[in-house]
Amino acid sequence: MRSTRIVTSFVTSNEKFLLLRRSEKVKSMKGLWGGVSGIIEGNEDPLSRAKIEIYEEIGIDSQSIRLLKAGKEMAVSSPQYPDHQWVIFPFLFEIENPRISLNWENSSYVWIEPKEIYRYQTVPSLADVLFNLL
């Protein structure tokens, strides 16, 4: 089975959590809702990758975010990709001034309360990742 290490970060502001809708231009999980995520390259530090992805995907630099929690890594699979497993390194960050500027990887965003995550068609196990951080 193939395995990919990724970071998935949730960003919170004013007791709401940011969800991003993956664009049609990305390779996988098109149109599904997720956190800020990206592939960890080589021996890269997951926290460093999380901060890079936050800057690239929503335009918030590392001086404007505060790490609230780093969760335990978790393995996730998907029926869409039966021969693949993702090892997720979850993070929870807080921002005070949520001025979101999306790049090409995501087409839209919403701010939700945690219980609302079930209303969205998300990437596999996203609710589990979120609730393990809370």
N, C-alpha and C. Protein backbone atom coordinates (compact mmCIF):
# COMPACT_ATOMS: atom_id res chain seq x y z
N MET A 1 0.84 -1.18 0.00
CA MET A 1 0.00 0.00 0.00
C MET A 1 0.89 1.24 0.00
N ARG A 2 0.54 2.17 -0.84
CA ARG A 2 1.25 3.44 -0.93
C ARG A 2 0.84 4.34 0.21
N SER A 3 1.77 5.13 0.74
CA SER A 3 1.49 6.02 1.86
C SER A 3 2.04 7.40 1.58
N THR A 4 1.27 8.42 1.95
CA THR A 4 1.68 9.81 1.78
C THR A 4 1.50 10.53 3.10
N ARG A 5 2.53 11.26 3.52
CA ARG A 5 2.45 12.06 4.75
C ARG A 5 1.97 13.46 4.39
N ILE A 6 0.93 13.91 5.08
CA ILE A 6 0.40 15.25 4.83
C ILE A 6 0.12 15.97 6.15
N VAL A 7 0.07 17.29 6.05
CA VAL A 7 -0.40 18.10 7.17
C VAL A 7 -1.83 18.51 6.86
N THR A 8 -2.65 18.57 7.89
CA THR A 8 -3.98 19.15 7.78
C THR A 8 -4.13 20.10 8.95
N SER A 9 -4.30 21.37 8.62
CA SER A 9 -4.43 22.41 9.65
C SER A 9 -5.82 22.98 9.63
N PHE A 10 -6.35 23.16 10.82
CA PHE A 10 -7.58 23.92 10.98
C PHE A 10 -7.20 25.28 11.52
N VAL A 11 -7.85 26.30 10.98
CA VAL A 11 -7.64 27.67 11.41
C VAL A 11 -8.92 28.13 12.06
N THR A 12 -8.80 28.73 13.24
CA THR A 12 -9.97 29.21 13.96
C THR A 12 -9.87 30.71 14.21
N SER A 13 -11.01 31.34 14.22
CA SER A 13 -11.12 32.76 14.54
C SER A 13 -12.54 33.00 15.05
N ASN A 14 -12.66 33.71 16.14
CA ASN A 14 -13.97 34.03 16.71
C ASN A 14 -14.83 32.77 16.90
N GLU A 15 -14.22 31.70 17.38
CA GLU A 15 -14.89 30.44 17.68
C GLU A 15 -15.47 29.73 16.45
N LYS A 16 -15.04 30.12 15.27
CA LYS A 16 -15.43 29.46 14.03
C LYS A 16 -14.18 28.82 13.41
N PHE A 17 -14.41 27.82 12.56
CA PHE A 17 -13.32 27.07 11.94
C PHE A 17 -13.42 27.17 10.43
N LEU A 18 -12.28 27.35 9.79
CA LEU A 18 -12.22 27.55 8.34
C LEU A 18 -12.23 26.22 7.61
N LEU A 19 -13.14 26.10 6.64
CA LEU A 19 -13.14 24.97 5.70
C LEU A 19 -12.88 25.52 4.31
N LEU A 20 -12.09 24.78 3.54
CA LEU A 20 -11.76 25.17 2.18
C LEU A 20 -12.31 24.14 1.21
N ARG A 21 -12.88 24.62 0.12
CA ARG A 21 -13.37 23.70 -0.93
C ARG A 21 -12.28 23.53 -1.97
N ARG A 22 -11.84 22.29 -2.15
CA ARG A 22 -10.76 21.98 -3.09
C ARG A 22 -11.21 22.27 -4.53
N SER A 23 -10.36 22.92 -5.28
CA SER A 23 -10.72 23.33 -6.64
C SER A 23 -10.66 22.14 -7.61
N GLU A 24 -11.10 22.38 -8.81
CA GLU A 24 -11.05 21.38 -9.86
C GLU A 24 -9.64 21.25 -10.44
N LYS A 25 -8.72 22.11 -10.03
CA LYS A 25 -7.36 22.11 -10.57
C LYS A 25 -6.41 21.21 -9.79
N VAL A 26 -6.82 20.73 -8.61
CA VAL A 26 -5.95 19.86 -7.81
C VAL A 26 -6.03 18.43 -8.31
N LYS A 27 -5.04 17.61 -7.94
CA LYS A 27 -4.97 16.23 -8.44
C LYS A 27 -6.00 15.30 -7.83
N SER A 28 -6.30 15.49 -6.54
CA SER A 28 -7.21 14.55 -5.87
C SER A 28 -8.22 15.29 -5.01
N MET A 29 -9.30 14.59 -4.71
CA MET A 29 -10.35 15.09 -3.82
C MET A 29 -10.99 16.40 -4.32
N LYS A 30 -11.11 16.52 -5.61
CA LYS A 30 -11.68 17.72 -6.22
C LYS A 30 -13.10 17.99 -5.71
N GLY A 31 -13.37 19.25 -5.36
CA GLY A 31 -14.70 19.65 -4.95
C GLY A 31 -15.05 19.31 -3.51
N LEU A 32 -14.19 18.59 -2.82
CA LEU A 32 -14.47 18.24 -1.43
C LEU A 32 -13.95 19.33 -0.49
N TRP A 33 -14.52 19.38 0.69
CA TRP A 33 -14.13 20.36 1.69
C TRP A 33 -13.03 19.79 2.57
N GLY A 34 -12.09 20.63 2.98
CA GLY A 34 -10.99 20.19 3.82
C GLY A 34 -10.43 21.34 4.63
N GLY A 35 -9.41 21.02 5.37
CA GLY A 35 -8.63 22.04 6.06
C GLY A 35 -7.53 22.52 5.13
N VAL A 36 -6.60 23.27 5.67
CA VAL A 36 -5.42 23.67 4.91
C VAL A 36 -4.48 22.48 4.93
N SER A 37 -4.17 21.95 3.78
CA SER A 37 -3.37 20.72 3.77
C SER A 37 -2.30 20.74 2.69
N GLY A 38 -1.33 19.86 2.87
CA GLY A 38 -0.27 19.73 1.89
C GLY A 38 0.63 18.55 2.21
N ILE A 39 1.35 18.12 1.21
CA ILE A 39 2.24 16.97 1.32
C ILE A 39 3.53 17.38 2.03
N ILE A 40 3.95 16.56 2.97
CA ILE A 40 5.23 16.76 3.65
C ILE A 40 6.30 16.17 2.75
N GLU A 41 7.28 16.98 2.41
CA GLU A 41 8.31 16.56 1.47
C GLU A 41 9.55 16.07 2.21
N GLY A 42 10.02 14.87 1.89
CA GLY A 42 11.24 14.32 2.47
C GLY A 42 11.19 14.27 3.99
N ASN A 43 12.23 14.78 4.62
CA ASN A 43 12.31 14.81 6.09
C ASN A 43 11.84 16.13 6.67
N GLU A 44 11.04 16.85 5.92
CA GLU A 44 10.54 18.15 6.33
C GLU A 44 9.76 18.07 7.64
N ASP A 45 9.92 19.07 8.47
CA ASP A 45 9.19 19.18 9.73
C ASP A 45 7.72 19.47 9.45
N PRO A 46 6.79 18.66 9.99
CA PRO A 46 5.37 18.88 9.71
C PRO A 46 4.86 20.27 10.10
N LEU A 47 5.31 20.81 11.23
CA LEU A 47 4.85 22.14 11.64
C LEU A 47 5.30 23.21 10.65
N SER A 48 6.52 23.10 10.17
CA SER A 48 7.01 24.05 9.16
C SER A 48 6.18 23.96 7.89
N ARG A 49 5.85 22.73 7.46
CA ARG A 49 5.03 22.55 6.26
C ARG A 49 3.64 23.13 6.47
N ALA A 50 3.08 22.95 7.68
CA ALA A 50 1.75 23.49 7.96
C ALA A 50 1.74 25.01 7.79
N LYS A 51 2.75 25.68 8.30
CA LYS A 51 2.83 27.15 8.20
C LYS A 51 3.00 27.59 6.74
N ILE A 52 3.79 26.84 5.99
CA ILE A 52 3.97 27.15 4.56
C ILE A 52 2.64 27.02 3.82
N GLU A 53 1.91 25.94 4.09
CA GLU A 53 0.63 25.72 3.42
C GLU A 53 -0.39 26.80 3.78
N ILE A 54 -0.41 27.23 5.03
CA ILE A 54 -1.33 28.30 5.44
C ILE A 54 -1.02 29.57 4.65
N TYR A 55 0.25 29.88 4.50
CA TYR A 55 0.61 31.07 3.73
C TYR A 55 0.23 30.90 2.26
N GLU A 56 0.57 29.75 1.67
CA GLU A 56 0.30 29.53 0.25
C GLU A 56 -1.19 29.48 -0.07
N GLU A 57 -1.97 28.79 0.77
CA GLU A 57 -3.37 28.54 0.44
C GLU A 57 -4.33 29.64 0.88
N ILE A 58 -4.03 30.34 1.98
CA ILE A 58 -4.98 31.36 2.45
C ILE A 58 -4.33 32.73 2.68
N GLY A 59 -3.03 32.85 2.40
CA GLY A 59 -2.37 34.15 2.44
C GLY A 59 -2.11 34.71 3.83
N ILE A 60 -2.03 33.86 4.84
CA ILE A 60 -1.77 34.32 6.21
C ILE A 60 -0.33 33.92 6.57
N ASP A 61 0.51 34.89 6.94
CA ASP A 61 1.90 34.56 7.25
C ASP A 61 2.05 34.05 8.68
N SER A 62 3.19 33.44 8.96
CA SER A 62 3.39 32.75 10.24
C SER A 62 3.38 33.70 11.44
N GLN A 63 3.66 34.98 11.23
CA GLN A 63 3.59 35.94 12.34
C GLN A 63 2.15 36.26 12.74
N SER A 64 1.20 35.93 11.88
CA SER A 64 -0.21 36.26 12.13
C SER A 64 -1.02 35.08 12.65
N ILE A 65 -0.37 33.94 12.89
CA ILE A 65 -1.06 32.76 13.39
C ILE A 65 -0.44 32.33 14.72
N ARG A 66 -1.23 31.64 15.51
CA ARG A 66 -0.74 31.11 16.79
C ARG A 66 -1.13 29.64 16.87
N LEU A 67 -0.14 28.79 17.10
CA LEU A 67 -0.40 27.36 17.23
C LEU A 67 -1.12 27.10 18.55
N LEU A 68 -2.31 26.48 18.47
CA LEU A 68 -3.06 26.12 19.67
C LEU A 68 -2.79 24.67 20.05
N LYS A 69 -2.65 23.80 19.03
CA LYS A 69 -2.46 22.38 19.33
C LYS A 69 -1.89 21.65 18.13
N ALA A 70 -0.98 20.73 18.42
CA ALA A 70 -0.49 19.78 17.42
C ALA A 70 -1.04 18.43 17.83
N GLY A 71 -1.87 17.83 16.99
CA GLY A 71 -2.49 16.55 17.31
C GLY A 71 -1.57 15.38 17.00
N LYS A 72 -1.99 14.20 17.44
CA LYS A 72 -1.25 12.98 17.13
C LYS A 72 -1.49 12.61 15.68
N GLU A 73 -0.44 12.10 15.04
CA GLU A 73 -0.60 11.69 13.64
C GLU A 73 -1.61 10.55 13.57
N MET A 74 -2.32 10.49 12.46
CA MET A 74 -3.34 9.46 12.28
C MET A 74 -3.35 8.98 10.84
N ALA A 75 -3.62 7.69 10.66
CA ALA A 75 -3.69 7.09 9.33
C ALA A 75 -5.13 7.14 8.84
N VAL A 76 -5.29 7.54 7.58
CA VAL A 76 -6.62 7.67 6.98
C VAL A 76 -6.60 6.99 5.61
N SER A 77 -7.68 6.29 5.29
CA SER A 77 -7.82 5.70 3.96
C SER A 77 -9.13 6.17 3.36
N SER A 78 -9.31 5.88 2.08
CA SER A 78 -10.50 6.32 1.36
C SER A 78 -10.94 5.24 0.39
N PRO A 79 -12.25 4.98 0.27
CA PRO A 79 -12.73 4.01 -0.71
C PRO A 79 -12.37 4.41 -2.14
N GLN A 80 -12.20 5.72 -2.40
CA GLN A 80 -11.83 6.19 -3.73
C GLN A 80 -10.44 5.72 -4.13
N TYR A 81 -9.57 5.55 -3.13
CA TYR A 81 -8.18 5.18 -3.37
C TYR A 81 -7.83 3.98 -2.49
N PRO A 82 -8.30 2.78 -2.84
CA PRO A 82 -8.16 1.61 -1.96
C PRO A 82 -6.72 1.17 -1.71
N ASP A 83 -5.78 1.52 -2.58
CA ASP A 83 -4.40 1.11 -2.40
C ASP A 83 -3.52 2.23 -1.83
N HIS A 84 -4.16 3.22 -1.20
CA HIS A 84 -3.42 4.38 -0.70
C HIS A 84 -3.82 4.70 0.74
N GLN A 85 -2.85 5.15 1.50
CA GLN A 85 -3.10 5.58 2.87
C GLN A 85 -2.44 6.94 3.07
N TRP A 86 -3.10 7.81 3.81
CA TRP A 86 -2.55 9.11 4.16
C TRP A 86 -2.22 9.09 5.65
N VAL A 87 -1.04 9.56 5.99
CA VAL A 87 -0.68 9.75 7.39
C VAL A 87 -0.77 11.25 7.64
N ILE A 88 -1.76 11.62 8.46
CA ILE A 88 -2.08 13.02 8.67
C ILE A 88 -1.45 13.54 9.95
N PHE A 89 -0.80 14.69 9.84
CA PHE A 89 -0.25 15.41 10.99
C PHE A 89 -1.17 16.61 11.20
N PRO A 90 -2.05 16.57 12.21
CA PRO A 90 -3.05 17.63 12.39
C PRO A 90 -2.55 18.78 13.27
N PHE A 91 -2.97 19.98 12.92
CA PHE A 91 -2.64 21.18 13.68
C PHE A 91 -3.87 22.07 13.80
N LEU A 92 -3.91 22.82 14.89
CA LEU A 92 -4.95 23.82 15.10
C LEU A 92 -4.27 25.16 15.36
N PHE A 93 -4.60 26.14 14.53
CA PHE A 93 -4.05 27.48 14.64
C PHE A 93 -5.16 28.50 14.86
N GLU A 94 -4.80 29.59 15.47
CA GLU A 94 -5.75 30.70 15.66
C GLU A 94 -5.22 31.92 14.93
N ILE A 95 -6.14 32.64 14.30
CA ILE A 95 -5.80 33.93 13.69
C ILE A 95 -6.79 34.96 14.22
N GLU A 96 -6.32 36.20 14.37
CA GLU A 96 -7.20 37.24 14.88
C GLU A 96 -7.88 38.03 13.78
N ASN A 97 -7.17 38.29 12.70
CA ASN A 97 -7.71 39.06 11.59
C ASN A 97 -7.87 38.17 10.37
N PRO A 98 -9.01 37.51 10.23
CA PRO A 98 -9.16 36.52 9.16
C PRO A 98 -9.41 37.12 7.78
N ARG A 99 -8.35 37.63 7.17
CA ARG A 99 -8.45 38.11 5.79
C ARG A 99 -7.91 37.01 4.88
N ILE A 100 -8.82 36.23 4.35
CA ILE A 100 -8.46 35.04 3.58
C ILE A 100 -8.28 35.40 2.11
N SER A 101 -7.17 34.96 1.55
CA SER A 101 -6.88 35.15 0.13
C SER A 101 -6.52 33.78 -0.45
N LEU A 102 -7.46 33.16 -1.15
CA LEU A 102 -7.27 31.80 -1.67
C LEU A 102 -6.34 31.77 -2.87
N ASN A 103 -5.55 30.68 -2.96
CA ASN A 103 -4.79 30.44 -4.19
C ASN A 103 -5.58 29.46 -5.06
N TRP A 104 -4.97 28.92 -6.09
CA TRP A 104 -5.64 28.07 -7.07
C TRP A 104 -6.10 26.73 -6.51
N GLU A 105 -5.56 26.31 -5.37
CA GLU A 105 -5.87 24.98 -4.84
C GLU A 105 -7.29 24.87 -4.28
N ASN A 106 -7.88 26.01 -3.93
CA ASN A 106 -9.21 26.01 -3.34
C ASN A 106 -10.08 27.03 -4.04
N SER A 107 -11.37 26.71 -4.16
CA SER A 107 -12.27 27.59 -4.91
C SER A 107 -13.16 28.45 -4.02
N SER A 108 -13.36 28.05 -2.77
CA SER A 108 -14.17 28.85 -1.85
C SER A 108 -13.89 28.44 -0.42
N TYR A 109 -14.43 29.20 0.51
CA TYR A 109 -14.24 28.88 1.92
C TYR A 109 -15.47 29.27 2.72
N VAL A 110 -15.60 28.67 3.89
CA VAL A 110 -16.66 28.99 4.83
C VAL A 110 -16.08 28.93 6.25
N TRP A 111 -16.70 29.68 7.15
CA TRP A 111 -16.39 29.59 8.58
C TRP A 111 -17.55 28.85 9.23
N ILE A 112 -17.22 27.80 9.99
CA ILE A 112 -18.27 26.96 10.57
C ILE A 112 -18.04 26.74 12.06
N GLU A 113 -19.09 26.31 12.73
CA GLU A 113 -18.95 25.76 14.07
C GLU A 113 -18.62 24.28 13.88
N PRO A 114 -17.87 23.67 14.81
CA PRO A 114 -17.47 22.27 14.61
C PRO A 114 -18.61 21.31 14.26
N LYS A 115 -19.75 21.44 14.91
CA LYS A 115 -20.85 20.50 14.66
C LYS A 115 -21.39 20.61 13.23
N GLU A 116 -21.12 21.72 12.56
CA GLU A 116 -21.61 21.92 11.19
C GLU A 116 -20.80 21.15 10.14
N ILE A 117 -19.68 20.59 10.53
CA ILE A 117 -18.81 19.91 9.56
C ILE A 117 -19.55 18.78 8.84
N TYR A 118 -20.54 18.19 9.51
CA TYR A 118 -21.28 17.07 8.92
C TYR A 118 -22.20 17.50 7.79
N ARG A 119 -22.40 18.78 7.60
CA ARG A 119 -23.22 19.29 6.49
C ARG A 119 -22.45 19.35 5.18
N TYR A 120 -21.16 19.13 5.25
CA TYR A 120 -20.29 19.30 4.08
C TYR A 120 -19.73 17.96 3.62
N GLN A 121 -19.56 17.84 2.32
CA GLN A 121 -18.92 16.65 1.77
C GLN A 121 -17.42 16.90 1.84
N THR A 122 -16.76 16.20 2.76
CA THR A 122 -15.37 16.49 3.07
C THR A 122 -14.43 15.40 2.57
N VAL A 123 -13.14 15.72 2.63
CA VAL A 123 -12.11 14.72 2.40
C VAL A 123 -12.27 13.66 3.49
N PRO A 124 -11.77 12.45 3.28
CA PRO A 124 -11.98 11.37 4.25
C PRO A 124 -11.51 11.72 5.66
N SER A 125 -12.37 11.40 6.63
CA SER A 125 -12.07 11.51 8.07
C SER A 125 -11.78 12.92 8.57
N LEU A 126 -12.23 13.94 7.84
CA LEU A 126 -11.93 15.32 8.26
C LEU A 126 -12.57 15.63 9.63
N ALA A 127 -13.78 15.16 9.87
CA ALA A 127 -14.42 15.42 11.16
C ALA A 127 -13.60 14.77 12.29
N ASP A 128 -13.08 13.58 12.06
CA ASP A 128 -12.25 12.93 13.06
C ASP A 128 -11.00 13.75 13.37
N VAL A 129 -10.39 14.29 12.34
CA VAL A 129 -9.20 15.11 12.52
C VAL A 129 -9.54 16.34 13.35
N LEU A 130 -10.64 17.01 13.00
CA LEU A 130 -11.05 18.20 13.75
C LEU A 130 -11.35 17.88 15.20
N PHE A 131 -12.16 16.87 15.43
CA PHE A 131 -12.58 16.60 16.82
C PHE A 131 -11.44 16.05 17.66
N ASN A 132 -10.42 15.46 17.04
CA ASN A 132 -9.24 15.04 17.81
C ASN A 132 -8.39 16.25 18.24
N LEU A 133 -8.58 17.38 17.59
CA LEU A 133 -7.87 18.60 17.97
C LEU A 133 -8.60 19.41 19.02
N LEU A 134 -9.90 19.15 19.18
CA LEU A 134 -10.70 19.95 20.12
C LEU A 134 -10.73 19.35 21.50
